[in-house]
Protein backbone atom coordinates (compact mmCIF):
# COMPACT_ATOMS: atom_id res chain seq x y z
CA MET A 1 0.00 0.00 0.00
CA PHE A 2 2.84 2.42 0.76
CA GLN A 3 4.36 1.74 -2.63
CA TRP A 4 1.05 2.57 -4.27
CA LEU A 5 0.89 5.92 -2.43
CA LYS A 6 4.51 6.65 -3.28
CA ASN A 7 3.83 5.95 -6.97
CA LEU A 8 0.72 8.08 -6.85
CA ILE A 9 2.54 11.07 -5.40
CA SER A 10 5.79 10.79 -7.33
CA SER A 11 6.06 13.14 -10.32
CA ASP A 12 7.92 10.77 -12.66
CA ASN A 13 5.23 8.09 -12.64
CA GLY A 14 3.02 8.08 -15.75
CA PRO A 15 1.55 10.87 -17.83
CA THR A 16 -0.12 13.82 -16.19
CA LEU A 17 -3.11 15.70 -17.45
CA LYS A 18 -2.46 19.27 -18.43
CA ARG A 19 -5.20 21.85 -18.57
CA PRO A 20 -5.23 24.22 -21.52
CA VAL A 21 -4.51 27.85 -20.71
CA VAL A 22 -7.53 30.00 -21.42
CA THR A 23 -7.17 33.77 -21.45
CA PRO A 24 -10.29 35.89 -21.12
CA LYS A 25 -11.15 38.25 -23.95
CA VAL A 26 -10.69 41.90 -23.07
CA ASP A 27 -12.32 44.63 -25.09
CA ALA A 28 -10.00 47.50 -25.98
CA ALA A 29 -11.95 50.42 -24.53
CA PRO A 30 -15.64 50.78 -23.81
CA LYS A 31 -17.41 52.81 -26.44
CA ALA A 32 -18.89 56.10 -25.32
CA LYS A 33 -22.65 56.29 -25.48
CA LYS A 34 -24.21 59.00 -27.56
CA SER A 35 -26.07 61.66 -25.66
CA THR A 36 -29.81 61.41 -26.11
CA ALA A 37 -30.60 64.71 -24.40
CA VAL A 38 -33.19 66.78 -26.20
CA ALA A 39 -32.59 70.51 -26.69
CA GLY A 40 -34.38 72.54 -24.05
CA LYS A 41 -34.07 70.01 -21.23
CA THR A 42 -32.01 70.86 -18.19
CA LYS A 43 -28.53 69.50 -17.67
CA SER A 44 -29.54 67.90 -14.37
CA LYS A 45 -31.93 65.60 -16.21
CA ALA A 46 -29.18 64.54 -18.61
CA ALA A 47 -26.75 64.11 -15.71
CA LYS A 48 -29.33 61.99 -13.87
CA THR A 49 -29.66 59.68 -16.84
CA ASP A 50 -25.91 59.37 -17.19
CA LEU A 51 -25.39 58.61 -13.49
CA GLU A 52 -28.20 56.06 -13.42
CA SER A 53 -26.77 54.19 -16.40
CA MET A 54 -23.26 53.99 -14.90
CA THR A 55 -22.04 50.90 -13.08
CA LYS A 56 -20.91 51.10 -9.47
CA PRO A 57 -17.17 51.09 -10.34
CA GLN A 58 -17.81 53.87 -12.88
CA LEU A 59 -19.66 55.88 -10.24
CA LEU A 60 -16.79 55.46 -7.79
CA GLU A 61 -14.32 56.64 -10.42
CA HIS A 62 -16.57 59.58 -11.36
CA ALA A 63 -16.85 60.66 -7.72
CA LYS A 64 -13.08 60.43 -7.33
CA LYS A 65 -12.55 62.65 -10.39
CA LYS A 66 -15.04 65.21 -9.02
CA GLY A 67 -13.33 65.17 -5.61
CA ILE A 68 -16.39 63.79 -3.83
CA LYS A 69 -15.67 61.46 -0.93
CA VAL A 70 -17.86 58.37 -1.07
CA ASN A 71 -17.80 55.02 0.67
CA ALA A 72 -16.97 52.18 -1.75
CA SER A 73 -19.24 49.81 0.19
CA ALA A 74 -22.27 52.08 -0.28
CA LYS A 75 -25.13 51.04 -2.54
CA LYS A 76 -25.29 52.34 -6.10
CA ALA A 77 -28.35 54.50 -5.35
CA ASP A 78 -26.53 56.10 -2.41
CA LEU A 79 -23.53 56.84 -4.62
CA VAL A 80 -25.76 58.53 -7.20
CA LYS A 81 -27.39 60.70 -4.48
CA LYS A 82 -24.02 61.65 -3.01
CA ILE A 83 -22.63 62.62 -6.44
CA LYS A 84 -25.75 64.69 -7.28
CA ASN A 85 -25.61 66.55 -3.98
CA GLY A 86 -21.90 67.17 -4.30
């Protein structure tokens, strides 16, 4: 039995299965969305739409660029409110 375990563990005993290396596809850069704001509407409405469509990491980055301190563990809705209020 010990010989069986030794053969099982030893690296020079029999062929080993190798897993293929799979690399995830990475898109170059996300495409910017076209603004759908209609002339005559306020900027706050357009800003609201933009903030609502952003992902949480995008909101965190946006807040950092604006100099707004936000908690990374906050919910997305809370981040949007904090960014709107400054």
